[in-house]
Amino acid sequence: RFGEWIATKNEIAGNYTVQFCHALVSVVILICCVALLVG
């Protein structure tokens, strides 16, 4: 909902911000998961 609110304030910048946050969270989680799954 917060991401949707940001997008309504500035559609282009807001969408890029949300996408960047999603990508960052995804990369961090994936790295942690791979580290834990090894062995």
Full PDB file with SEQRES, HELIX, SHEET, SSBOND, CRYST1, ORIGX, SCALE, CONECT and MASTER records, all heavy atoms in Angstrom:
SEQRES   1 A   39  ARG PHE GLY GLU TRP ILE ALA THR LYS ASN GLU ILE ALA          
SEQRES   2 A   39  GLY ASN TYR THR VAL GLN PHE CYS HIS ALA LEU VAL SER          
SEQRES   3 A   39  VAL VAL ILE LEU ILE CYS CYS VAL ALA LEU LEU VAL GLY          
HELIX    1 AA1 PHE A    2  LYS A    9  1                                   8    
HELIX    2 AA2 GLU A   11  LEU A   37  1                                  27    
CRYST1    1.000    1.000    1.000  90.00  90.00  90.00 P 1           1          
ORIGX1      1.000000  0.000000  0.000000        0.00000                         
ORIGX2      0.000000  1.000000  0.000000        0.00000                         
ORIGX3      0.000000  0.000000  1.000000        0.00000                         
SCALE1      1.000000  0.000000  0.000000        0.00000                         
SCALE2      0.000000  1.000000  0.000000        0.00000                         
SCALE3      0.000000  0.000000  1.000000        0.00000                         
ATOM      1  N   ARG A   1       0.829  -1.213   0.000  1.00  0.00           N  
ATOM      2  CA  ARG A   1       0.000   0.000   0.000  1.00  0.00           C  
ATOM      3  C   ARG A   1       0.863   1.262   0.000  1.00  0.00           C  
ATOM      4  O   ARG A   1       0.538   2.251  -0.671  1.00  0.00           O  
ATOM      5  CB  ARG A   1      -0.923  -0.005   1.218  1.00  0.00           C  
ATOM      6  CG  ARG A   1      -2.037  -1.051   1.143  1.00  0.00           C  
ATOM      7  CD  ARG A   1      -2.871  -1.065   2.405  1.00  0.00           C  
ATOM      8  NE  ARG A   1      -3.927  -2.069   2.338  1.00  0.00           N  
ATOM      9  CZ  ARG A   1      -4.714  -2.386   3.356  1.00  0.00           C  
ATOM     10  NH1 ARG A   1      -4.550  -1.783   4.541  1.00  0.00           N  
ATOM     11  NH2 ARG A   1      -5.654  -3.305   3.216  1.00  0.00           N  
ATOM     12  N   PHE A   2       1.970   1.189   0.741  1.00  0.00           N  
ATOM     13  CA  PHE A   2       2.876   2.337   0.750  1.00  0.00           C  
ATOM     14  C   PHE A   2       3.486   2.543  -0.627  1.00  0.00           C  
ATOM     15  O   PHE A   2       3.627   3.675  -1.102  1.00  0.00           O  
ATOM     16  CB  PHE A   2       3.972   2.111   1.791  1.00  0.00           C  
ATOM     17  CG  PHE A   2       4.942   3.250   1.916  1.00  0.00           C  
ATOM     18  CD1 PHE A   2       4.539   4.486   2.406  1.00  0.00           C  
ATOM     19  CD2 PHE A   2       6.278   3.090   1.521  1.00  0.00           C  
ATOM     20  CE1 PHE A   2       5.436   5.542   2.512  1.00  0.00           C  
ATOM     21  CE2 PHE A   2       7.174   4.143   1.622  1.00  0.00           C  
ATOM     22  CZ  PHE A   2       6.753   5.374   2.113  1.00  0.00           C  
ATOM     23  N   GLY A   3       3.843   1.413  -1.300  1.00  0.00           N  
ATOM     24  CA  GLY A   3       4.373   1.507  -2.657  1.00  0.00           C  
ATOM     25  C   GLY A   3       3.363   2.093  -3.622  1.00  0.00           C  
ATOM     26  O   GLY A   3       3.708   2.900  -4.500  1.00  0.00           O  
ATOM     27  N   GLU A   4       2.096   1.702  -3.477  1.00  0.00           N  
ATOM     28  CA  GLU A   4       1.044   2.263  -4.330  1.00  0.00           C  
ATOM     29  C   GLU A   4       0.875   3.757  -4.074  1.00  0.00           C  
ATOM     30  O   GLU A   4       0.635   4.536  -5.008  1.00  0.00           O  
ATOM     31  CB  GLU A   4      -0.274   1.521  -4.074  1.00  0.00           C  
ATOM     32  CG  GLU A   4      -0.265   0.068  -4.537  1.00  0.00           C  
ATOM     33  CD  GLU A   4      -1.487  -0.692  -4.072  1.00  0.00           C  
ATOM     34  OE1 GLU A   4      -2.326  -0.074  -3.369  1.00  0.00           O  
ATOM     35  OE2 GLU A   4      -1.599  -1.889  -4.396  1.00  0.00           O  
ATOM     36  N   TRP A   5       1.026   4.148  -2.812  1.00  0.00           N  
ATOM     37  CA  TRP A   5       0.898   5.567  -2.476  1.00  0.00           C  
ATOM     38  C   TRP A   5       2.036   6.368  -3.113  1.00  0.00           C  
ATOM     39  O   TRP A   5       1.823   7.463  -3.637  1.00  0.00           O  
ATOM     40  CB  TRP A   5       0.912   5.734  -0.959  1.00  0.00           C  
ATOM     41  CG  TRP A   5       0.848   7.167  -0.506  1.00  0.00           C  
ATOM     42  CD1 TRP A   5      -0.251   7.960  -0.438  1.00  0.00           C  
ATOM     43  CD2 TRP A   5       1.962   7.970  -0.069  1.00  0.00           C  
ATOM     44  NE1 TRP A   5       0.083   9.206   0.016  1.00  0.00           N  
ATOM     45  CE2 TRP A   5       1.440   9.243   0.245  1.00  0.00           C  
ATOM     46  CE3 TRP A   5       3.327   7.730   0.074  1.00  0.00           C  
ATOM     47  CZ2 TRP A   5       2.252  10.273   0.698  1.00  0.00           C  
ATOM     48  CZ3 TRP A   5       4.128   8.749   0.531  1.00  0.00           C  
ATOM     49  CH2 TRP A   5       3.595  10.003   0.834  1.00  0.00           C  
ATOM     50  N   ILE A   6       3.262   5.803  -3.066  1.00  0.00           N  
ATOM     51  CA  ILE A   6       4.397   6.478  -3.694  1.00  0.00           C  
ATOM     52  C   ILE A   6       4.171   6.625  -5.191  1.00  0.00           C  
ATOM     53  O   ILE A   6       4.460   7.665  -5.795  1.00  0.00           O  
ATOM     54  CB  ILE A   6       5.707   5.696  -3.415  1.00  0.00           C  
ATOM     55  CG1 ILE A   6       6.073   5.760  -1.932  1.00  0.00           C  
ATOM     56  CG2 ILE A   6       6.858   6.227  -4.263  1.00  0.00           C  
ATOM     57  CD1 ILE A   6       7.280   4.922  -1.565  1.00  0.00           C  
ATOM     58  N   ALA A   7       3.631   5.566  -5.807  1.00  0.00           N  
ATOM     59  CA  ALA A   7       3.392   5.595  -7.256  1.00  0.00           C  
ATOM     60  C   ALA A   7       2.361   6.644  -7.636  1.00  0.00           C  
ATOM     61  O   ALA A   7       2.435   7.243  -8.714  1.00  0.00           O  
ATOM     62  CB  ALA A   7       2.948   4.220  -7.737  1.00  0.00           C  
ATOM     63  N   THR A   8       1.386   6.885  -6.775  1.00  0.00           N  
ATOM     64  CA  THR A   8       0.367   7.900  -7.092  1.00  0.00           C  
ATOM     65  C   THR A   8       0.946   9.311  -7.021  1.00  0.00           C  
ATOM     66  O   THR A   8       0.462  10.214  -7.705  1.00  0.00           O  
ATOM     67  CB  THR A   8      -0.822   7.801  -6.120  1.00  0.00           C  
ATOM     68  OG1 THR A   8      -0.357   7.963  -4.773  1.00  0.00           O  
ATOM     69  CG2 THR A   8      -1.514   6.458  -6.261  1.00  0.00           C  
ATOM     70  N   LYS A   9       1.984   9.496  -6.194  1.00  0.00           N  
ATOM     71  CA  LYS A   9       2.604  10.818  -6.081  1.00  0.00           C  
ATOM     72  C   LYS A   9       3.403  11.159  -7.334  1.00  0.00           C  
ATOM     73  O   LYS A   9       3.387  12.293  -7.811  1.00  0.00           O  
ATOM     74  CB  LYS A   9       3.520  10.865  -4.848  1.00  0.00           C  
ATOM     75  CG  LYS A   9       2.783  10.748  -3.524  1.00  0.00           C  
ATOM     76  CD  LYS A   9       1.825  11.913  -3.311  1.00  0.00           C  
ATOM     77  CE  LYS A   9       1.108  11.807  -1.978  1.00  0.00           C  
ATOM     78  NZ  LYS A   9       0.155  12.914  -1.766  1.00  0.00           N  
ATOM     79  N   ASN A  10       4.138  10.183  -7.836  1.00  0.00           N  
ATOM     80  CA  ASN A  10       4.912  10.376  -9.066  1.00  0.00           C  
ATOM     81  C   ASN A  10       4.999   9.014  -9.749  1.00  0.00           C  
ATOM     82  O   ASN A  10       5.773   8.162  -9.327  1.00  0.00           O  
ATOM     83  CB  ASN A  10       6.309  10.928  -8.746  1.00  0.00           C  
ATOM     84  CG  ASN A  10       7.065  11.320 -10.003  1.00  0.00           C  
ATOM     85  OD1 ASN A  10       7.017  10.631 -11.011  1.00  0.00           O  
ATOM     86  ND2 ASN A  10       7.780  12.444  -9.928  1.00  0.00           N  
ATOM     87  N   GLU A  11       4.202   8.821 -10.779  1.00  0.00           N  
ATOM     88  CA  GLU A  11       4.033   7.486 -11.350  1.00  0.00           C  
ATOM     89  C   GLU A  11       5.354   6.872 -11.802  1.00  0.00           C  
ATOM     90  O   GLU A  11       5.673   5.737 -11.459  1.00  0.00           O  
ATOM     91  CB  GLU A  11       3.060   7.553 -12.534  1.00  0.00           C  
ATOM     92  CG  GLU A  11       2.760   6.181 -13.115  1.00  0.00           C  
ATOM     93  CD  GLU A  11       1.695   6.241 -14.178  1.00  0.00           C  
ATOM     94  OE1 GLU A  11       1.106   7.323 -14.381  1.00  0.00           O  
ATOM     95  OE2 GLU A  11       1.455   5.203 -14.813  1.00  0.00           O  
ATOM     96  N   ILE A  12       6.154   7.615 -12.566  1.00  0.00           N  
ATOM     97  CA  ILE A  12       7.390   7.049 -13.105  1.00  0.00           C  
ATOM     98  C   ILE A  12       8.415   6.821 -12.002  1.00  0.00           C  
ATOM     99  O   ILE A  12       8.925   5.711 -11.822  1.00  0.00           O  
ATOM    100  CB  ILE A  12       7.964   7.973 -14.199  1.00  0.00           C  
ATOM    101  CG1 ILE A  12       6.983   8.062 -15.372  1.00  0.00           C  
ATOM    102  CG2 ILE A  12       9.318   7.441 -14.678  1.00  0.00           C  
ATOM    103  CD1 ILE A  12       7.422   9.018 -16.464  1.00  0.00           C  
ATOM    104  N   ALA A  13       8.720   7.870 -11.237  1.00  0.00           N  
ATOM    105  CA  ALA A  13       9.713   7.744 -10.160  1.00  0.00           C  
ATOM    106  C   ALA A  13       9.240   6.763  -9.094  1.00  0.00           C  
ATOM    107  O   ALA A  13      10.043   5.978  -8.560  1.00  0.00           O  
ATOM    108  CB  ALA A  13       9.980   9.113  -9.539  1.00  0.00           C  
ATOM    109  N   GLY A  14       7.943   6.804  -8.792  1.00  0.00           N  
ATOM    110  CA  GLY A  14       7.404   5.906  -7.776  1.00  0.00           C  
ATOM    111  C   GLY A  14       7.525   4.452  -8.181  1.00  0.00           C  
ATOM    112  O   GLY A  14       7.930   3.601  -7.381  1.00  0.00           O  
ATOM    113  N   ASN A  15       7.200   4.155  -9.440  1.00  0.00           N  
ATOM    114  CA  ASN A  15       7.288   2.775  -9.918  1.00  0.00           C  
ATOM    115  C   ASN A  15       8.728   2.282  -9.923  1.00  0.00           C  
ATOM    116  O   ASN A  15       9.012   1.136  -9.553  1.00  0.00           O  
ATOM    117  CB  ASN A  15       6.694   2.653 -11.324  1.00  0.00           C  
ATOM    118  CG  ASN A  15       5.175   2.697 -11.310  1.00  0.00           C  
ATOM    119  OD1 ASN A  15       4.552   2.309 -10.323  1.00  0.00           O  
ATOM    120  ND2 ASN A  15       4.580   3.185 -12.385  1.00  0.00           N  
ATOM    121  N   TYR A  16       9.658   3.147 -10.352  1.00  0.00           N  
ATOM    122  CA  TYR A  16      11.073   2.766 -10.335  1.00  0.00           C  
ATOM    123  C   TYR A  16      11.554   2.521  -8.904  1.00  0.00           C  
ATOM    124  O   TYR A  16      12.348   1.598  -8.655  1.00  0.00           O  
ATOM    125  CB  TYR A  16      11.924   3.835 -11.002  1.00  0.00           C  
ATOM    126  CG  TYR A  16      11.968   3.742 -12.506  1.00  0.00           C  
ATOM    127  CD1 TYR A  16      11.597   4.816 -13.308  1.00  0.00           C  
ATOM    128  CD2 TYR A  16      12.369   2.561 -13.137  1.00  0.00           C  
ATOM    129  CE1 TYR A  16      11.623   4.731 -14.699  1.00  0.00           C  
ATOM    130  CE2 TYR A  16      12.402   2.455 -14.520  1.00  0.00           C  
ATOM    131  CZ  TYR A  16      12.030   3.544 -15.298  1.00  0.00           C  
ATOM    132  OH  TYR A  16      12.042   3.445 -16.658  1.00  0.00           O  
ATOM    133  N   THR A  17      11.086   3.333  -7.968  1.00  0.00           N  
ATOM    134  CA  THR A  17      11.470   3.157  -6.565  1.00  0.00           C  
ATOM    135  C   THR A  17      10.982   1.817  -6.022  1.00  0.00           C  
ATOM    136  O   THR A  17      11.727   1.086  -5.359  1.00  0.00           O  
ATOM    137  CB  THR A  17      10.908   4.299  -5.704  1.00  0.00           C  
ATOM    138  OG1 THR A  17      11.395   5.553  -6.195  1.00  0.00           O  
ATOM    139  CG2 THR A  17      11.310   4.132  -4.244  1.00  0.00           C  
ATOM    140  N   VAL A  18       9.718   1.503  -6.315  1.00  0.00           N  
ATOM    141  CA  VAL A  18       9.140   0.237  -5.853  1.00  0.00           C  
ATOM    142  C   VAL A  18       9.882  -0.941  -6.481  1.00  0.00           C  
ATOM    143  O   VAL A  18      10.230  -1.911  -5.798  1.00  0.00           O  
ATOM    144  CB  VAL A  18       7.635   0.171  -6.186  1.00  0.00           C  
ATOM    145  CG1 VAL A  18       7.080  -1.223  -5.909  1.00  0.00           C  
ATOM    146  CG2 VAL A  18       6.868   1.216  -5.377  1.00  0.00           C  
ATOM    147  N   GLN A  19      10.160  -0.860  -7.781  1.00  0.00           N  
ATOM    148  CA  GLN A  19      10.866  -1.940  -8.464  1.00  0.00           C  
ATOM    149  C   GLN A  19      12.274  -2.119  -7.911  1.00  0.00           C  
ATOM    150  O   GLN A  19      12.748  -3.260  -7.748  1.00  0.00           O  
ATOM    151  CB  GLN A  19      10.915  -1.666  -9.964  1.00  0.00           C  
ATOM    152  CG  GLN A  19       9.562  -1.771 -10.657  1.00  0.00           C  
ATOM    153  CD  GLN A  19       9.590  -1.260 -12.077  1.00  0.00           C  
ATOM    154  OE1 GLN A  19      10.646  -0.965 -12.634  1.00  0.00           O  
ATOM    155  NE2 GLN A  19       8.416  -1.134 -12.687  1.00  0.00           N  
ATOM    156  N   PHE A  20      12.940  -1.005  -7.620  1.00  0.00           N  
ATOM    157  CA  PHE A  20      14.285  -1.082  -7.044  1.00  0.00           C  
ATOM    158  C   PHE A  20      14.242  -1.748  -5.671  1.00  0.00           C  
ATOM    159  O   PHE A  20      15.089  -2.608  -5.358  1.00  0.00           O  
ATOM    160  CB  PHE A  20      14.896   0.317  -6.927  1.00  0.00           C  
ATOM    161  CG  PHE A  20      16.214   0.343  -6.201  1.00  0.00           C  
ATOM    162  CD1 PHE A  20      17.386  -0.054  -6.830  1.00  0.00           C  
ATOM    163  CD2 PHE A  20      16.274   0.749  -4.870  1.00  0.00           C  
ATOM    164  CE1 PHE A  20      18.593  -0.054  -6.158  1.00  0.00           C  
ATOM    165  CE2 PHE A  20      17.478   0.757  -4.190  1.00  0.00           C  
ATOM    166  CZ  PHE A  20      18.641   0.352  -4.840  1.00  0.00           C  
ATOM    167  N   CYS A  21      13.270  -1.371  -4.849  1.00  0.00           N  
ATOM    168  CA  CYS A  21      13.139  -1.971  -3.508  1.00  0.00           C  
ATOM    169  C   CYS A  21      12.850  -3.465  -3.609  1.00  0.00           C  
ATOM    170  O   CYS A  21      13.431  -4.265  -2.864  1.00  0.00           O  
ATOM    171  CB  CYS A  21      12.038  -1.262  -2.725  1.00  0.00           C  
ATOM    172  SG  CYS A  21      12.448   0.431  -2.245  1.00  0.00           S  
ATOM    173  N   HIS A  22      11.971  -3.849  -4.541  1.00  0.00           N  
ATOM    174  CA  HIS A  22      11.677  -5.271  -4.742  1.00  0.00           C  
ATOM    175  C   HIS A  22      12.930  -6.034  -5.156  1.00  0.00           C  
ATOM    176  O   HIS A  22      13.196  -7.133  -4.656  1.00  0.00           O  
ATOM    177  CB  HIS A  22      10.591  -5.437  -5.807  1.00  0.00           C  
ATOM    178  CG  HIS A  22       9.213  -5.179  -5.298  1.00  0.00           C  
ATOM    179  ND1 HIS A  22       8.078  -5.441  -6.033  1.00  0.00           N  
ATOM    180  CD2 HIS A  22       8.759  -4.684  -4.117  1.00  0.00           C  
ATOM    181  CE1 HIS A  22       7.004  -5.122  -5.335  1.00  0.00           C  
ATOM    182  NE2 HIS A  22       7.401  -4.658  -4.170  1.00  0.00           N  
ATOM    183  N   ALA A  23      13.687  -5.450  -6.087  1.00  0.00           N  
ATOM    184  CA  ALA A  23      14.905  -6.110  -6.573  1.00  0.00           C  
ATOM    185  C   ALA A  23      15.923  -6.246  -5.446  1.00  0.00           C  
ATOM    186  O   ALA A  23      16.559  -7.304  -5.286  1.00  0.00           O  
ATOM    187  CB  ALA A  23      15.492  -5.329  -7.739  1.00  0.00           C  
ATOM    188  N   LEU A  24      16.094  -5.191  -4.656  1.00  0.00           N  
ATOM    189  CA  LEU A  24      17.059  -5.213  -3.562  1.00  0.00           C  
ATOM    190  C   LEU A  24      16.673  -6.261  -2.521  1.00  0.00           C  
ATOM    191  O   LEU A  24      17.518  -7.063  -2.086  1.00  0.00           O  
ATOM    192  CB  LEU A  24      17.141  -3.829  -2.907  1.00  0.00           C  
ATOM    193  CG  LEU A  24      18.123  -3.691  -1.736  1.00  0.00           C  
ATOM    194  CD1 LEU A  24      19.550  -3.970  -2.194  1.00  0.00           C  
ATOM    195  CD2 LEU A  24      18.014  -2.298  -1.108  1.00  0.00           C  
ATOM    196  N   VAL A  25      15.399  -6.260  -2.122  1.00  0.00           N  
ATOM    197  CA  VAL A  25      14.928  -7.245  -1.138  1.00  0.00           C  
ATOM    198  C   VAL A  25      15.101  -8.655  -1.685  1.00  0.00           C  
ATOM    199  O   VAL A  25      15.536  -9.569  -0.973  1.00  0.00           O  
ATOM    200  CB  VAL A  25      13.449  -6.966  -0.781  1.00  0.00           C  
ATOM    201  CG1 VAL A  25      12.871  -8.124   0.028  1.00  0.00           C  
ATOM    202  CG2 VAL A  25      13.316  -5.663  -0.004  1.00  0.00           C  
ATOM    203  N   SER A  26      14.780  -8.853  -2.966  1.00  0.00           N  
ATOM    204  CA  SER A  26      14.882 -10.180  -3.576  1.00  0.00           C  
ATOM    205  C   SER A  26      16.322 -10.674  -3.581  1.00  0.00           C  
ATOM    206  O   SER A  26      16.585 -11.850  -3.261  1.00  0.00           O  
ATOM    207  CB  SER A  26      14.340 -10.147  -5.008  1.00  0.00           C  
ATOM    208  OG  SER A  26      12.973  -9.796  -5.031  1.00  0.00           O  
ATOM    209  N   VAL A  27      17.259  -9.817  -3.944  1.00  0.00           N  
ATOM    210  CA  VAL A  27      18.664 -10.211  -3.998  1.00  0.00           C  
ATOM    211  C   VAL A  27      19.176 -10.576  -2.606  1.00  0.00           C  
ATOM    212  O   VAL A  27      19.858 -11.601  -2.424  1.00  0.00           O  
ATOM    213  CB  VAL A  27      19.521  -9.087  -4.618  1.00  0.00           C  
ATOM    214  CG1 VAL A  27      21.008  -9.377  -4.430  1.00  0.00           C  
ATOM    215  CG2 VAL A  27      19.201  -8.923  -6.095  1.00  0.00           C  
ATOM    216  N   VAL A  28      18.845  -9.765  -1.621  1.00  0.00           N  
ATOM    217  CA  VAL A  28      19.309 -10.023  -0.253  1.00  0.00           C  
ATOM    218  C   VAL A  28      18.749 -11.354   0.250  1.00  0.00           C  
ATOM    219  O   VAL A  28      19.483 -12.183   0.823  1.00  0.00           O  
ATOM    220  CB  VAL A  28      18.900  -8.867   0.681  1.00  0.00           C  
ATOM    221  CG1 VAL A  28      19.179  -9.237   2.143  1.00  0.00           C  
ATOM    222  CG2 VAL A  28      19.657  -7.592   0.314  1.00  0.00           C  
ATOM    223  N   ILE A  29      17.439 -11.557   0.056  1.00  0.00           N  
ATOM    224  CA  ILE A  29      16.811 -12.804   0.522  1.00  0.00           C  
ATOM    225  C   ILE A  29      17.400 -14.008  -0.201  1.00  0.00           C  
ATOM    226  O   ILE A  29      17.708 -15.037   0.416  1.00  0.00           O  
ATOM    227  CB  ILE A  29      15.284 -12.751   0.319  1.00  0.00           C  
ATOM    228  CG1 ILE A  29      14.658 -11.721   1.264  1.00  0.00           C  
ATOM    229  CG2 ILE A  29      14.654 -14.129   0.549  1.00  0.00           C  
ATOM    230  CD1 ILE A  29      13.170 -11.540   1.074  1.00  0.00           C  
ATOM    231  N   LEU A  30      17.590 -13.891  -1.515  1.00  0.00           N  
ATOM    232  CA  LEU A  30      18.114 -15.015  -2.286  1.00  0.00           C  
ATOM    233  C   LEU A  30      19.526 -15.380  -1.836  1.00  0.00           C  
ATOM    234  O   LEU A  30      19.858 -16.565  -1.679  1.00  0.00           O  
ATOM    235  CB  LEU A  30      18.108 -14.682  -3.780  1.00  0.00           C  
ATOM    236  CG  LEU A  30      18.532 -15.810  -4.729  1.00  0.00           C  
ATOM    237  CD1 LEU A  30      17.608 -17.011  -4.566  1.00  0.00           C  
ATOM    238  CD2 LEU A  30      18.541 -15.335  -6.172  1.00  0.00           C  
ATOM    239  N   ILE A  31      20.376 -14.384  -1.593  1.00  0.00           N  
ATOM    240  CA  ILE A  31      21.744 -14.644  -1.124  1.00  0.00           C  
ATOM    241  C   ILE A  31      21.716 -15.355   0.227  1.00  0.00           C  
ATOM    242  O   ILE A  31      22.436 -16.339   0.446  1.00  0.00           O  
ATOM    243  CB  ILE A  31      22.548 -13.334  -1.043  1.00  0.00           C  
ATOM    244  CG1 ILE A  31      22.819 -12.792  -2.450  1.00  0.00           C  
ATOM    245  CG2 ILE A  31      23.859 -13.562  -0.302  1.00  0.00           C  
ATOM    246  CD1 ILE A  31      23.448 -11.414  -2.457  1.00  0.00           C  
ATOM    247  N   CYS A  32      20.865 -14.871   1.135  1.00  0.00           N  
ATOM    248  CA  CYS A  32      20.758 -15.500   2.459  1.00  0.00           C  
ATOM    249  C   CYS A  32      20.260 -16.937   2.344  1.00  0.00           C  
ATOM    250  O   CYS A  32      20.767 -17.841   3.024  1.00  0.00           O  
ATOM    251  CB  CYS A  32      19.815 -14.687   3.344  1.00  0.00           C  
ATOM    252  SG  CYS A  32      20.436 -13.059   3.805  1.00  0.00           S  
ATOM    253  N   CYS A  33      19.278 -17.155   1.475  1.00  0.00           N  
ATOM    254  CA  CYS A  33      18.716 -18.502   1.316  1.00  0.00           C  
ATOM    255  C   CYS A  33      19.743 -19.475   0.741  1.00  0.00           C  
ATOM    256  O   CYS A  33      19.870 -20.606   1.209  1.00  0.00           O  
ATOM    257  CB  CYS A  33      17.479 -18.457   0.417  1.00  0.00           C  
ATOM    258  SG  CYS A  33      16.031 -17.690   1.176  1.00  0.00           S  
ATOM    259  N   VAL A  34      20.478 -19.030  -0.257  1.00  0.00           N  
ATOM    260  CA  VAL A  34      21.489 -19.896  -0.856  1.00  0.00           C  
ATOM    261  C   VAL A  34      22.553 -20.252   0.175  1.00  0.00           C  
ATOM    262  O   VAL A  34      22.986 -21.407   0.273  1.00  0.00           O  
ATOM    263  CB  VAL A  34      22.119 -19.217  -2.092  1.00  0.00           C  
ATOM    264  CG1 VAL A  34      23.320 -20.014  -2.586  1.00  0.00           C  
ATOM    265  CG2 VAL A  34      21.087 -19.082  -3.210  1.00  0.00           C  
ATOM    266  N   ALA A  35      22.963 -19.267   0.956  1.00  0.00           N  
ATOM    267  CA  ALA A  35      23.972 -19.525   1.992  1.00  0.00           C  
ATOM    268  C   ALA A  35      23.480 -20.549   3.006  1.00  0.00           C  
ATOM    269  O   ALA A  35      24.243 -21.422   3.453  1.00  0.00           O  
ATOM    270  CB  ALA A  35      24.335 -18.216   2.684  1.00  0.00           C  
ATOM    271  N   LEU A  36      22.195 -20.477   3.364  1.00  0.00           N  
ATOM    272  CA  LEU A  36      21.641 -21.408   4.342  1.00  0.00           C  
ATOM    273  C   LEU A  36      21.377 -22.784   3.744  1.00  0.00           C  
ATOM    274  O   LEU A  36      21.417 -23.795   4.453  1.00  0.00           O  
ATOM    275  CB  LEU A  36      20.337 -20.836   4.923  1.00  0.00           C  
ATOM    276  CG  LEU A  36      20.488 -19.623   5.846  1.00  0.00           C  
ATOM    277  CD1 LEU A  36      19.133 -19.011   6.160  1.00  0.00           C  
ATOM    278  CD2 LEU A  36      21.187 -20.023   7.150  1.00  0.00           C  
ATOM    279  N   LEU A  37      21.082 -22.831   2.435  1.00  0.00           N  
ATOM    280  CA  LEU A  37      20.743 -24.104   1.805  1.00  0.00           C  
ATOM    281  C   LEU A  37      21.975 -24.951   1.492  1.00  0.00           C  
ATOM    282  O   LEU A  37      21.847 -26.171   1.328  1.00  0.00           O  
ATOM    283  CB  LEU A  37      19.956 -23.860   0.509  1.00  0.00           C  
ATOM    284  CG  LEU A  37      18.495 -23.439   0.684  1.00  0.00           C  
ATOM    285  CD1 LEU A  37      17.871 -23.069  -0.650  1.00  0.00           C  
ATOM    286  CD2 LEU A  37      17.687 -24.545   1.348  1.00  0.00           C  
ATOM    287  N   VAL A  38      23.129 -24.336   1.368  1.00  0.00           N  
ATOM    288  CA  VAL A  38      24.348 -25.096   1.097  1.00  0.00           C  
ATOM    289  C   VAL A  38      24.647 -25.993   2.302  1.00  0.00           C  
ATOM    290  O   VAL A  38      24.936 -25.530   3.395  1.00  0.00           O  
ATOM    291  CB  VAL A  38      25.546 -24.163   0.821  1.00  0.00           C  
ATOM    292  CG1 VAL A  38      26.826 -24.983   0.688  1.00  0.00           C  
ATOM    293  CG2 VAL A  38      25.300 -23.346  -0.440  1.00  0.00           C  
ATOM    294  N   GLY A  39      24.528 -27.285   2.097  1.00  0.00           N  
ATOM    295  CA  GLY A  39      24.779 -28.240   3.175  1.00  0.00           C  
ATOM    296  C   GLY A  39      23.649 -28.386   4.162  1.00  0.00           C  
ATOM    297  O   GLY A  39      23.819 -29.019   5.208  1.00  0.00           O  
TER     298      GLY A  39                                                      
MASTER        0    0    0    2    0    0    0    6  297    1    0    3          
END                                                                             
